[in-house]
Amino acid sequence: MNYKIPFQTIDWSIVPKEEFKGETGTAYWQTIRFNGLRIRIVEYTKGYVADHWCRKGHIVHCLEGEFISELQNNEQFEMIKGMTYIVSDELSSHRSTSKNGVKLLIIDGDFLKIKE
């Protein structure tokens, strides 16, 4: 794939927030899209539990706070400010929970698809 994204800056303060209800709590997404690429600032409120198991690949970097990335096989990974996780599409079923709220930078797209 050939990505051609010219130099640009993103002023996240003007990117609108979308609200997504979790099983409990709320997620707020600010999303920028390019062809085959999605970049988001995502905030989970206190007590957030995702309402689904996700199989999509991501690069997730914790900007503020902390959260748990839980795998469907019951493994749990505590993620704190400054930590990152990476997974390709279809390699895990995972979901996020946050006791006290968190702010994340999440990048995903076609580059995380498994090519066979």
PDB file of N, CA and C in Angstrom:
ATOM      1  N   MET A   1       0.840  -1.181   0.000  1.00  0.00           N
ATOM      2  CA  MET A   1       0.000   0.000   0.000  1.00  0.00           C
ATOM      3  C   MET A   1       0.878   1.233   0.000  1.00  0.00           C
ATOM      4  N   ASN A   2       0.399   2.208  -0.675  1.00  0.00           N
ATOM      5  CA  ASN A   2       1.142   3.446  -0.785  1.00  0.00           C
ATOM      6  C   ASN A   2       0.324   4.567  -0.139  1.00  0.00           C
ATOM      7  N   TYR A   3       0.820   5.048   0.992  1.00  0.00           N
ATOM      8  CA  TYR A   3       0.140   6.134   1.688  1.00  0.00           C
ATOM      9  C   TYR A   3       0.854   7.429   1.359  1.00  0.00           C
ATOM     10  N   LYS A   4       0.095   8.411   0.930  1.00  0.00           N
ATOM     11  CA  LYS A   4       0.662   9.725   0.658  1.00  0.00           C
ATOM     12  C   LYS A   4      -0.094  10.733   1.510  1.00  0.00           C
ATOM     13  N   ILE A   5       0.467  11.031   2.668  1.00  0.00           N
ATOM     14  CA  ILE A   5      -0.134  11.996   3.576  1.00  0.00           C
ATOM     15  C   ILE A   5       0.824  13.167   3.667  1.00  0.00           C
ATOM     16  N   PRO A   6       0.433  14.307   3.143  1.00  0.00           N
ATOM     17  CA  PRO A   6       1.329  15.463   3.215  1.00  0.00           C
ATOM     18  C   PRO A   6       1.489  15.941   4.652  1.00  0.00           C
ATOM     19  N   PHE A   7       2.580  16.658   4.908  1.00  0.00           N
ATOM     20  CA  PHE A   7       2.800  17.210   6.243  1.00  0.00           C
ATOM     21  C   PHE A   7       1.609  18.046   6.652  1.00  0.00           C
ATOM     22  N   GLN A   8       1.156  17.826   7.874  1.00  0.00           N
ATOM     23  CA  GLN A   8       0.058  18.622   8.416  1.00  0.00           C
ATOM     24  C   GLN A   8       0.059  18.502   9.926  1.00  0.00           C
ATOM     25  N   THR A   9      -0.602  19.435  10.549  1.00  0.00           N
ATOM     26  CA  THR A   9      -0.756  19.386  11.991  1.00  0.00           C
ATOM     27  C   THR A   9      -2.220  19.098  12.306  1.00  0.00           C
ATOM     28  N   ILE A  10      -2.459  18.587  13.496  1.00  0.00           N
ATOM     29  CA  ILE A  10      -3.829  18.316  13.942  1.00  0.00           C
ATOM     30  C   ILE A  10      -4.063  19.098  15.227  1.00  0.00           C
ATOM     31  N   ASP A  11      -5.029  19.976  15.208  1.00  0.00           N
ATOM     32  CA  ASP A  11      -5.439  20.701  16.407  1.00  0.00           C
ATOM     33  C   ASP A  11      -6.609  19.938  17.008  1.00  0.00           C
ATOM     34  N   TRP A  12      -6.307  19.050  17.968  1.00  0.00           N
ATOM     35  CA  TRP A  12      -7.332  18.189  18.538  1.00  0.00           C
ATOM     36  C   TRP A  12      -8.431  18.989  19.233  1.00  0.00           C
ATOM     37  N   SER A  13      -8.150  20.235  19.613  1.00  0.00           N
ATOM     38  CA  SER A  13      -9.167  21.029  20.311  1.00  0.00           C
ATOM     39  C   SER A  13     -10.348  21.374  19.407  1.00  0.00           C
ATOM     40  N   ILE A  14     -10.189  21.256  18.096  1.00  0.00           N
ATOM     41  CA  ILE A  14     -11.304  21.564  17.185  1.00  0.00           C
ATOM     42  C   ILE A  14     -11.901  20.317  16.537  1.00  0.00           C
ATOM     43  N   VAL A  15     -11.362  19.151  16.847  1.00  0.00           N
ATOM     44  CA  VAL A  15     -11.922  17.906  16.313  1.00  0.00           C
ATOM     45  C   VAL A  15     -13.108  17.515  17.189  1.00  0.00           C
ATOM     46  N   PRO A  16     -14.304  17.380  16.592  1.00  0.00           N
ATOM     47  CA  PRO A  16     -15.495  17.091  17.405  1.00  0.00           C
ATOM     48  C   PRO A  16     -15.395  15.741  18.122  1.00  0.00           C
ATOM     49  N   LYS A  17     -16.050  15.662  19.278  1.00  0.00           N
ATOM     50  CA  LYS A  17     -16.093  14.423  20.054  1.00  0.00           C
ATOM     51  C   LYS A  17     -17.387  13.674  19.753  1.00  0.00           C
ATOM     52  N   GLU A  18     -17.235  12.360  19.535  1.00  0.00           N
ATOM     53  CA  GLU A  18     -18.386  11.478  19.389  1.00  0.00           C
ATOM     54  C   GLU A  18     -18.518  10.673  20.669  1.00  0.00           C
ATOM     55  N   GLU A  19     -19.734  10.452  21.098  1.00  0.00           N
ATOM     56  CA  GLU A  19     -19.995   9.729  22.344  1.00  0.00           C
ATOM     57  C   GLU A  19     -20.432   8.309  22.039  1.00  0.00           C
ATOM     58  N   PHE A  20     -19.816   7.348  22.754  1.00  0.00           N
ATOM     59  CA  PHE A  20     -20.167   5.940  22.623  1.00  0.00           C
ATOM     60  C   PHE A  20     -20.352   5.361  24.018  1.00  0.00           C
ATOM     61  N   LYS A  21     -21.545   4.848  24.283  1.00  0.00           N
ATOM     62  CA  LYS A  21     -21.831   4.259  25.586  1.00  0.00           C
ATOM     63  C   LYS A  21     -21.160   2.895  25.685  1.00  0.00           C
ATOM     64  N   GLY A  22     -20.560   2.625  26.828  1.00  0.00           N
ATOM     65  CA  GLY A  22     -20.006   1.314  27.106  1.00  0.00           C
ATOM     66  C   GLY A  22     -21.031   0.471  27.847  1.00  0.00           C
ATOM     67  N   GLU A  23     -20.619  -0.715  28.248  1.00  0.00           N
ATOM     68  CA  GLU A  23     -21.453  -1.526  29.132  1.00  0.00           C
ATOM     69  C   GLU A  23     -21.754  -0.703  30.380  1.00  0.00           C
ATOM     70  N   THR A  24     -20.712  -0.019  30.873  1.00  0.00           N
ATOM     71  CA  THR A  24     -20.857   1.038  31.867  1.00  0.00           C
ATOM     72  C   THR A  24     -19.927   2.164  31.436  1.00  0.00           C
ATOM     73  N   GLY A  25     -20.252   3.374  31.786  1.00  0.00           N
ATOM     74  CA  GLY A  25     -19.424   4.515  31.416  1.00  0.00           C
ATOM     75  C   GLY A  25     -19.568   4.890  29.943  1.00  0.00           C
ATOM     76  N   THR A  26     -18.747   5.847  29.533  1.00  0.00           N
ATOM     77  CA  THR A  26     -18.837   6.413  28.191  1.00  0.00           C
ATOM     78  C   THR A  26     -17.451   6.592  27.606  1.00  0.00           C
ATOM     79  N   ALA A  27     -17.345   6.388  26.294  1.00  0.00           N
ATOM     80  CA  ALA A  27     -16.117   6.677  25.554  1.00  0.00           C
ATOM     81  C   ALA A  27     -16.387   7.888  24.673  1.00  0.00           C
ATOM     82  N   TYR A  28     -15.415   8.798  24.607  1.00  0.00           N
ATOM     83  CA  TYR A  28     -15.487   9.955  23.723  1.00  0.00           C
ATOM     84  C   TYR A  28     -14.351   9.841  22.716  1.00  0.00           C
ATOM     85  N   TRP A  29     -14.705   9.834  21.433  1.00  0.00           N
ATOM     86  CA  TRP A  29     -13.721   9.691  20.357  1.00  0.00           C
ATOM     87  C   TRP A  29     -13.589  10.994  19.585  1.00  0.00           C
ATOM     88  N   GLN A  30     -12.354  11.383  19.314  1.00  0.00           N
ATOM     89  CA  GLN A  30     -12.048  12.428  18.341  1.00  0.00           C
ATOM     90  C   GLN A  30     -11.269  11.718  17.244  1.00  0.00           C
ATOM     91  N   THR A  31     -11.781  11.752  16.024  1.00  0.00           N
ATOM     92  CA  THR A  31     -11.257  10.888  14.965  1.00  0.00           C
ATOM     93  C   THR A  31     -10.825  11.676  13.742  1.00  0.00           C
ATOM     94  N   ILE A  32      -9.640  11.331  13.255  1.00  0.00           N
ATOM     95  CA  ILE A  32      -9.127  11.829  11.973  1.00  0.00           C
ATOM     96  C   ILE A  32      -8.950  10.609  11.084  1.00  0.00           C
ATOM     97  N   ARG A  33      -9.433  10.695   9.847  1.00  0.00           N
ATOM     98  CA  ARG A  33      -9.328   9.564   8.910  1.00  0.00           C
ATOM     99  C   ARG A  33      -8.542   9.960   7.663  1.00  0.00           C
ATOM    100  N   PHE A  34      -7.725   9.033   7.253  1.00  0.00           N
ATOM    101  CA  PHE A  34      -7.041   9.097   5.969  1.00  0.00           C
ATOM    102  C   PHE A  34      -7.366   7.786   5.267  1.00  0.00           C
ATOM    103  N   ASN A  35      -7.034   7.660   4.000  1.00  0.00           N
ATOM    104  CA  ASN A  35      -7.291   6.432   3.269  1.00  0.00           C
ATOM    105  C   ASN A  35      -6.565   5.266   3.956  1.00  0.00           C
ATOM    106  N   GLY A  36      -7.329   4.344   4.552  1.00  0.00           N
ATOM    107  CA  GLY A  36      -6.752   3.171   5.190  1.00  0.00           C
ATOM    108  C   GLY A  36      -6.099   3.421   6.538  1.00  0.00           C
ATOM    109  N   LEU A  37      -6.347   4.579   7.144  1.00  0.00           N
ATOM    110  CA  LEU A  37      -5.714   4.925   8.418  1.00  0.00           C
ATOM    111  C   LEU A  37      -6.690   5.732   9.260  1.00  0.00           C
ATOM    112  N   ARG A  38      -6.757   5.395  10.553  1.00  0.00           N
ATOM    113  CA  ARG A  38      -7.610   6.133  11.485  1.00  0.00           C
ATOM    114  C   ARG A  38      -6.760   6.485  12.701  1.00  0.00           C
ATOM    115  N   ILE A  39      -6.814   7.745  13.113  1.00  0.00           N
ATOM    116  CA  ILE A  39      -6.094   8.238  14.286  1.00  0.00           C
ATOM    117  C   ILE A  39      -7.135   8.839  15.223  1.00  0.00           C
ATOM    118  N   ARG A  40      -7.085   8.418  16.504  1.00  0.00           N
ATOM    119  CA  ARG A  40      -8.103   8.894  17.453  1.00  0.00           C
ATOM    120  C   ARG A  40      -7.479   9.282  18.789  1.00  0.00           C
ATOM    121  N   ILE A  41      -8.053  10.283  19.409  1.00  0.00           N
ATOM    122  CA  ILE A  41      -7.883  10.525  20.830  1.00  0.00           C
ATOM    123  C   ILE A  41      -9.172   9.991  21.451  1.00  0.00           C
ATOM    124  N   VAL A  42      -9.030   9.066  22.385  1.00  0.00           N
ATOM    125  CA  VAL A  42     -10.191   8.426  23.012  1.00  0.00           C
ATOM    126  C   VAL A  42     -10.093   8.623  24.520  1.00  0.00           C
ATOM    127  N   GLU A  43     -11.185   9.066  25.112  1.00  0.00           N
ATOM    128  CA  GLU A  43     -11.262   9.222  26.563  1.00  0.00           C
ATOM    129  C   GLU A  43     -12.359   8.306  27.090  1.00  0.00           C
ATOM    130  N   TYR A  44     -12.013   7.532  28.129  1.00  0.00           N
ATOM    131  CA  TYR A  44     -12.989   6.707  28.833  1.00  0.00           C
ATOM    132  C   TYR A  44     -13.286   7.367  30.170  1.00  0.00           C
ATOM    133  N   THR A  45     -14.555   7.436  30.527  1.00  0.00           N
ATOM    134  CA  THR A  45     -14.944   8.001  31.810  1.00  0.00           C
ATOM    135  C   THR A  45     -14.660   6.998  32.933  1.00  0.00           C
ATOM    136  N   LYS A  46     -14.755   7.482  34.158  1.00  0.00           N
ATOM    137  CA  LYS A  46     -14.613   6.600  35.326  1.00  0.00           C
ATOM    138  C   LYS A  46     -15.620   5.460  35.211  1.00  0.00           C
ATOM    139  N   GLY A  47     -15.179   4.266  35.548  1.00  0.00           N
ATOM    140  CA  GLY A  47     -16.070   3.114  35.540  1.00  0.00           C
ATOM    141  C   GLY A  47     -16.373   2.554  34.157  1.00  0.00           C
ATOM    142  N   TYR A  48     -15.584   2.924  33.156  1.00  0.00           N
ATOM    143  CA  TYR A  48     -15.862   2.470  31.785  1.00  0.00           C
ATOM    144  C   TYR A  48     -15.547   0.982  31.624  1.00  0.00           C
ATOM    145  N   VAL A  49     -16.476   0.269  30.993  1.00  0.00           N
ATOM    146  CA  VAL A  49     -16.269  -1.105  30.547  1.00  0.00           C
ATOM    147  C   VAL A  49     -16.799  -1.175  29.121  1.00  0.00           C
ATOM    148  N   ALA A  50     -15.946  -1.601  28.178  1.00  0.00           N
ATOM    149  CA  ALA A  50     -16.371  -1.703  26.774  1.00  0.00           C
ATOM    150  C   ALA A  50     -17.554  -2.659  26.654  1.00  0.00           C
ATOM    151  N   ASP A  51     -18.422  -2.378  25.702  1.00  0.00           N
ATOM    152  CA  ASP A  51     -19.633  -3.186  25.528  1.00  0.00           C
ATOM    153  C   ASP A  51     -19.447  -4.324  24.530  1.00  0.00           C
ATOM    154  N   HIS A  52     -18.197  -4.567  24.090  1.00  0.00           N
ATOM    155  CA  HIS A  52     -17.962  -5.633  23.114  1.00  0.00           C
ATOM    156  C   HIS A  52     -16.499  -6.098  23.197  1.00  0.00           C
ATOM    157  N   TRP A  53     -16.239  -7.261  22.650  1.00  0.00           N
ATOM    158  CA  TRP A  53     -14.880  -7.765  22.472  1.00  0.00           C
ATOM    159  C   TRP A  53     -14.446  -7.362  21.075  1.00  0.00           C
ATOM    160  N   CYS A  54     -13.292  -6.745  20.961  1.00  0.00           N
ATOM    161  CA  CYS A  54     -12.799  -6.214  19.689  1.00  0.00           C
ATOM    162  C   CYS A  54     -11.728  -7.137  19.118  1.00  0.00           C
ATOM    163  N   ARG A  55     -11.784  -7.387  17.807  1.00  0.00           N
ATOM    164  CA  ARG A  55     -10.770  -8.211  17.132  1.00  0.00           C
ATOM    165  C   ARG A  55      -9.918  -7.377  16.175  1.00  0.00           C
ATOM    166  N   LYS A  56     -10.167  -6.071  16.163  1.00  0.00           N
ATOM    167  CA  LYS A  56      -9.423  -5.180  15.276  1.00  0.00           C
ATOM    168  C   LYS A  56      -8.036  -4.894  15.853  1.00  0.00           C
ATOM    169  N   GLY A  57      -7.074  -4.702  14.984  1.00  0.00           N
ATOM    170  CA  GLY A  57      -5.730  -4.346  15.409  1.00  0.00           C
ATOM    171  C   GLY A  57      -5.637  -2.877  15.765  1.00  0.00           C
ATOM    172  N   HIS A  58      -4.756  -2.559  16.703  1.00  0.00           N
ATOM    173  CA  HIS A  58      -4.562  -1.180  17.148  1.00  0.00           C
ATOM    174  C   HIS A  58      -3.128  -0.970  17.597  1.00  0.00           C
ATOM    175  N   ILE A  59      -2.725   0.269  17.589  1.00  0.00           N
ATOM    176  CA  ILE A  59      -1.608   0.751  18.389  1.00  0.00           C
ATOM    177  C   ILE A  59      -2.262   1.691  19.395  1.00  0.00           C
ATOM    178  N   VAL A  60      -2.142   1.378  20.678  1.00  0.00           N
ATOM    179  CA  VAL A  60      -2.811   2.150  21.726  1.00  0.00           C
ATOM    180  C   VAL A  60      -1.751   2.683  22.678  1.00  0.00           C
ATOM    181  N   HIS A  61      -1.710   4.013  22.809  1.00  0.00           N
ATOM    182  CA  HIS A  61      -0.753   4.657  23.708  1.00  0.00           C
ATOM    183  C   HIS A  61      -1.526   5.415  24.786  1.00  0.00           C
ATOM    184  N   CYS A  62      -1.176   5.150  26.034  1.00  0.00           N
ATOM    185  CA  CYS A  62      -1.855   5.781  27.172  1.00  0.00           C
ATOM    186  C   CYS A  62      -1.248   7.161  27.421  1.00  0.00           C
ATOM    187  N   LEU A  63      -2.048   8.201  27.200  1.00  0.00           N
ATOM    188  CA  LEU A  63      -1.603   9.581  27.387  1.00  0.00           C
ATOM    189  C   LEU A  63      -1.758  10.056  28.827  1.00  0.00           C
ATOM    190  N   GLU A  64      -2.865   9.664  29.459  1.00  0.00           N
ATOM    191  CA  GLU A  64      -3.167  10.083  30.836  1.00  0.00           C
ATOM    192  C   GLU A  64      -3.969   8.984  31.506  1.00  0.00           C
ATOM    193  N   GLY A  65      -3.755   8.793  32.781  1.00  0.00           N
ATOM    194  CA  GLY A  65      -4.548   7.832  33.543  1.00  0.00           C
ATOM    195  C   GLY A  65      -4.057   6.408  33.378  1.00  0.00           C
ATOM    196  N   GLU A  66      -4.982   5.476  33.547  1.00  0.00           N
ATOM    197  CA  GLU A  66      -4.654   4.059  33.436  1.00  0.00           C
ATOM    198  C   GLU A  66      -5.893   3.282  33.045  1.00  0.00           C
ATOM    199  N   PHE A  67      -5.673   2.103  32.471  1.00  0.00           N
ATOM    200  CA  PHE A  67      -6.779   1.228  32.098  1.00  0.00           C
ATOM    201  C   PHE A  67      -6.285  -0.205  32.067  1.00  0.00           C
ATOM    202  N   ILE A  68      -7.232  -1.116  31.959  1.00  0.00           N
ATOM    203  CA  ILE A  68      -6.924  -2.532  31.819  1.00  0.00           C
ATOM    204  C   ILE A  68      -7.319  -2.946  30.408  1.00  0.00           C
ATOM    205  N   SER A  69      -6.397  -3.593  29.711  1.00  0.00           N
ATOM    206  CA  SER A  69      -6.721  -4.241  28.455  1.00  0.00           C
ATOM    207  C   SER A  69      -6.901  -5.721  28.775  1.00  0.00           C
ATOM    208  N   GLU A  70      -8.126  -6.181  28.629  1.00  0.00           N
ATOM    209  CA  GLU A  70      -8.489  -7.538  29.002  1.00  0.00           C
ATOM    210  C   GLU A  70      -8.659  -8.371  27.739  1.00  0.00           C
ATOM    211  N   LEU A  71      -8.047  -9.543  27.715  1.00  0.00           N
ATOM    212  CA  LEU A  71      -8.227 -10.473  26.606  1.00  0.00           C
ATOM    213  C   LEU A  71      -9.344 -11.447  26.956  1.00  0.00           C
ATOM    214  N   GLN A  72      -9.993 -11.974  25.931  1.00  0.00           N
ATOM    215  CA  GLN A  72     -11.126 -12.857  26.170  1.00  0.00           C
ATOM    216  C   GLN A  72     -10.696 -14.155  26.868  1.00  0.00           C
ATOM    217  N   ASN A  73      -9.398 -14.477  26.824  1.00  0.00           N
ATOM    218  CA  ASN A  73      -8.902 -15.670  27.517  1.00  0.00           C
ATOM    219  C   ASN A  73      -8.597 -15.381  28.994  1.00  0.00           C
ATOM    220  N   ASN A  74      -9.052 -14.242  29.488  1.00  0.00           N
ATOM    221  CA  ASN A  74      -8.932 -13.797  30.882  1.00  0.00           C
ATOM    222  C   ASN A  74      -7.589 -13.172  31.243  1.00  0.00           C
ATOM    223  N   GLU A  75      -6.646 -13.062  30.307  1.00  0.00           N
ATOM    224  CA  GLU A  75      -5.409 -12.327  30.590  1.00  0.00           C
ATOM    225  C   GLU A  75      -5.757 -10.847  30.720  1.00  0.00           C
ATOM    226  N   GLN A  76      -5.066 -10.155  31.620  1.00  0.00           N
ATOM    227  CA  GLN A  76      -5.278  -8.725  31.803  1.00  0.00           C
ATOM    228  C   GLN A  76      -3.928  -8.022  31.833  1.00  0.00           C
ATOM    229  N   PHE A  77      -3.888  -6.852  31.198  1.00  0.00           N
ATOM    230  CA  PHE A  77      -2.680  -6.049  31.138  1.00  0.00           C
ATOM    231  C   PHE A  77      -3.005  -4.657  31.649  1.00  0.00           C
ATOM    232  N   GLU A  78      -2.347  -4.268  32.734  1.00  0.00           N
ATOM    233  CA  GLU A  78      -2.548  -2.925  33.271  1.00  0.00           C
ATOM    234  C   GLU A  78      -1.691  -1.961  32.468  1.00  0.00           C
ATOM    235  N   MET A  79      -2.321  -0.962  31.913  1.00  0.00           N
ATOM    236  CA  MET A  79      -1.646   0.025  31.081  1.00  0.00           C
ATOM    237  C   MET A  79      -1.701   1.369  31.807  1.00  0.00           C
ATOM    238  N   ILE A  80      -0.541   1.981  31.991  1.00  0.00           N
ATOM    239  CA  ILE A  80      -0.468   3.270  32.660  1.00  0.00           C
ATOM    240  C   ILE A  80       0.128   4.305  31.708  1.00  0.00           C
ATOM    241  N   LYS A  81       0.053   5.562  32.100  1.00  0.00           N
ATOM    242  CA  LYS A  81       0.576   6.661  31.294  1.00  0.00           C
ATOM    243  C   LYS A  81       1.977   6.323  30.783  1.00  0.00           C
ATOM    244  N   GLY A  82       2.163   6.512  29.475  1.00  0.00           N
ATOM    245  CA  GLY A  82       3.453   6.256  28.846  1.00  0.00           C
ATOM    246  C   GLY A  82       3.599   4.869  28.257  1.00  0.00           C
ATOM    247  N   MET A  83       2.650   3.956  28.526  1.00  0.00           N
ATOM    248  CA  MET A  83       2.718   2.592  27.984  1.00  0.00           C
ATOM    249  C   MET A  83       1.921   2.483  26.690  1.00  0.00           C
ATOM    250  N   THR A  84       2.332   1.524  25.856  1.00  0.00           N
ATOM    251  CA  THR A  84       1.710   1.287  24.552  1.00  0.00           C
ATOM    252  C   THR A  84       1.485  -0.205  24.367  1.00  0.00           C
ATOM    253  N   TYR A  85       0.376  -0.574  23.721  1.00  0.00           N
ATOM    254  CA  TYR A  85       0.264  -1.953  23.242  1.00  0.00           C
ATOM    255  C   TYR A  85      -0.026  -1.943  21.762  1.00  0.00           C
ATOM    256  N   ILE A  86       0.364  -3.048  21.120  1.00  0.00           N
ATOM    257  CA  ILE A  86       0.209  -3.203  19.673  1.00  0.00           C
ATOM    258  C   ILE A  86      -0.339  -4.601  19.407  1.00  0.00           C
ATOM    259  N   VAL A  87      -1.320  -4.709  18.502  1.00  0.00           N
ATOM    260  CA  VAL A  87      -1.839  -6.008  18.085  1.00  0.00           C
ATOM    261  C   VAL A  87      -2.375  -5.876  16.658  1.00  0.00           C
ATOM    262  N   SER A  88      -2.171  -6.901  15.844  1.00  0.00           N
ATOM    263  CA  SER A  88      -2.711  -6.927  14.484  1.00  0.00           C
ATOM    264  C   SER A  88      -4.162  -7.395  14.501  1.00  0.00           C
ATOM    265  N   ASP A  89      -4.875  -7.143  13.402  1.00  0.00           N
ATOM    266  CA  ASP A  89      -6.256  -7.589  13.249  1.00  0.00           C
ATOM    267  C   ASP A  89      -6.349  -9.101  13.475  1.00  0.00           C
ATOM    268  N   GLU A  90      -7.420  -9.520  14.112  1.00  0.00           N
ATOM    269  CA  GLU A  90      -7.793 -10.923  14.278  1.00  0.00           C
ATOM    270  C   GLU A  90      -6.844 -11.761  15.132  1.00  0.00           C
ATOM    271  N   LEU A  91      -5.916 -11.130  15.887  1.00  0.00           N
ATOM    272  CA  LEU A  91      -4.994 -11.906  16.708  1.00  0.00           C
ATOM    273  C   LEU A  91      -5.388 -11.966  18.179  1.00  0.00           C
ATOM    274  N   SER A  92      -6.411 -11.234  18.576  1.00  0.00           N
ATOM    275  CA  SER A  92      -6.920 -11.346  19.943  1.00  0.00           C
ATOM    276  C   SER A  92      -8.318 -10.761  19.990  1.00  0.00           C
ATOM    277  N   SER A  93      -9.057 -11.203  20.981  1.00  0.00           N
ATOM    278  CA  SER A  93     -10.314 -10.542  21.333  1.00  0.00           C
ATOM    279  C   SER A  93     -10.017  -9.793  22.616  1.00  0.00           C
ATOM    280  N   HIS A  94     -10.168  -8.487  22.573  1.00  0.00           N
ATOM    281  CA  HIS A  94      -9.775  -7.653  23.703  1.00  0.00           C
ATOM    282  C   HIS A  94     -10.834  -6.582  23.960  1.00  0.00           C
ATOM    283  N   ARG A  95     -10.820  -6.069  25.192  1.00  0.00           N
ATOM    284  CA  ARG A  95     -11.688  -4.949  25.532  1.00  0.00           C
ATOM    285  C   ARG A  95     -11.002  -4.146  26.629  1.00  0.00           C
ATOM    286  N   SER A  96     -11.434  -2.914  26.769  1.00  0.00           N
ATOM    287  CA  SER A  96     -10.834  -2.006  27.748  1.00  0.00           C
ATOM    288  C   SER A  96     -11.792  -1.738  28.887  1.00  0.00           C
ATOM    289  N   THR A  97     -11.202  -1.567  30.079  1.00  0.00           N
ATOM    290  CA  THR A  97     -11.940  -1.099  31.242  1.00  0.00           C
ATOM    291  C   THR A  97     -11.094  -0.029  31.925  1.00  0.00           C
ATOM    292  N   SER A  98     -11.748   0.925  32.542  1.00  0.00           N
ATOM    293  CA  SER A  98     -11.016   1.972  33.258  1.00  0.00           C
ATOM    294  C   SER A  98     -11.758   2.346  34.529  1.00  0.00           C
ATOM    295  N   LYS A  99     -11.109   2.128  35.645  1.00  0.00           N
ATOM    296  CA  LYS A  99     -11.704   2.438  36.948  1.00  0.00           C
ATOM    297  C   LYS A  99     -11.838   3.940  37.162  1.00  0.00           C
ATOM    298  N   ASN A 100     -10.772   4.691  36.812  1.00  0.00           N
ATOM    299  CA  ASN A 100     -10.753   6.121  37.114  1.00  0.00           C
ATOM    300  C   ASN A 100     -10.725   7.031  35.895  1.00  0.00           C
ATOM    301  N   GLY A 101     -10.880   6.490  34.695  1.00  0.00           N
ATOM    302  CA  GLY A 101     -10.835   7.278  33.474  1.00  0.00           C
ATOM    303  C   GLY A 101      -9.443   7.279  32.872  1.00  0.00           C
ATOM    304  N   VAL A 102      -9.379   7.500  31.564  1.00  0.00           N
ATOM    305  CA  VAL A 102      -8.109   7.440  30.844  1.00  0.00           C
ATOM    306  C   VAL A 102      -8.234   8.212  29.539  1.00  0.00           C
ATOM    307  N   LYS A 103      -7.099   8.664  29.020  1.00  0.00           N
ATOM    308  CA  LYS A 103      -7.030   9.334  27.719  1.00  0.00           C
ATOM    309  C   LYS A 103      -5.984   8.594  26.887  1.00  0.00           C
ATOM    310  N   LEU A 104      -6.373   8.171  25.674  1.00  0.00           N
ATOM    311  CA  LEU A 104      -5.547   7.331  24.830  1.00  0.00           C
ATOM    312  C   LEU A 104      -5.357   7.940  23.445  1.00  0.00           C
ATOM    313  N   LEU A 105      -4.237   7.630  22.824  1.00  0.00           N
ATOM    314  CA  LEU A 105      -4.020   7.857  21.400  1.00  0.00           C
ATOM    315  C   LEU A 105      -4.108   6.481  20.759  1.00  0.00           C
ATOM    316  N   ILE A 106      -5.022   6.313  19.802  1.00  0.00           N
ATOM    317  CA  ILE A 106      -5.228   5.017  19.156  1.00  0.00           C
ATOM    318  C   ILE A 106      -5.067   5.183  17.649  1.00  0.00           C
ATOM    319  N   ILE A 107      -4.219   4.344  17.073  1.00  0.00           N
ATOM    320  CA  ILE A 107      -3.974   4.354  15.631  1.00  0.00           C
ATOM    321  C   ILE A 107      -4.294   2.964  15.103  1.00  0.00           C
ATOM    322  N   ASP A 108      -5.096   2.900  14.062  1.00  0.00           N
ATOM    323  CA  ASP A 108      -5.363   1.612  13.423  1.00  0.00           C
ATOM    324  C   ASP A 108      -5.595   1.835  11.935  1.00  0.00           C
ATOM    325  N   GLY A 109      -5.590   0.757  11.211  1.00  0.00           N
ATOM    326  CA  GLY A 109      -5.787   0.860   9.779  1.00  0.00           C
ATOM    327  C   GLY A 109      -5.339  -0.375   9.042  1.00  0.00           C
ATOM    328  N   ASP A 110      -5.310  -0.252   7.729  1.00  0.00           N
ATOM    329  CA  ASP A 110      -5.014  -1.384   6.850  1.00  0.00           C
ATOM    330  C   ASP A 110      -3.630  -1.986   7.110  1.00  0.00           C
ATOM    331  N   PHE A 111      -2.696  -1.206   7.622  1.00  0.00           N
ATOM    332  CA  PHE A 111      -1.342  -1.704   7.855  1.00  0.00           C
ATOM    333  C   PHE A 111      -1.300  -2.775   8.951  1.00  0.00           C
ATOM    334  N   LEU A 112      -2.366  -2.926   9.715  1.00  0.00           N
ATOM    335  CA  LEU A 112      -2.426  -3.932  10.778  1.00  0.00           C
ATOM    336  C   LEU A 112      -3.145  -5.209  10.343  1.00  0.00           C
ATOM    337  N   LYS A 113      -3.590  -5.260   9.082  1.00  0.00           N
ATOM    338  CA  LYS A 113      -4.233  -6.468   8.568  1.00  0.00           C
ATOM    339  C   LYS A 113      -3.169  -7.514   8.275  1.00  0.00           C
ATOM    340  N   ILE A 114      -3.482  -8.743   8.594  1.00  0.00           N
ATOM    341  CA  ILE A 114      -2.552  -9.840   8.341  1.00  0.00           C
ATOM    342  C   ILE A 114      -2.604 -10.194   6.865  1.00  0.00           C
ATOM    343  N   LYS A 115      -1.447 -10.218   6.237  1.00  0.00           N
ATOM    344  CA  LYS A 115      -1.357 -10.578   4.820  1.00  0.00           C
ATOM    345  C   LYS A 115      -0.850 -12.013   4.740  1.00  0.00           C
ATOM    346  N   GLU A 116      -1.621 -12.863   4.097  1.00  0.00           N
ATOM    347  CA  GLU A 116      -1.214 -14.269   3.985  1.00  0.00           C
ATOM    348  C   GLU A 116      -0.819 -14.602   2.580  1.00  0.00           C
TER     349      GLU A 116
END
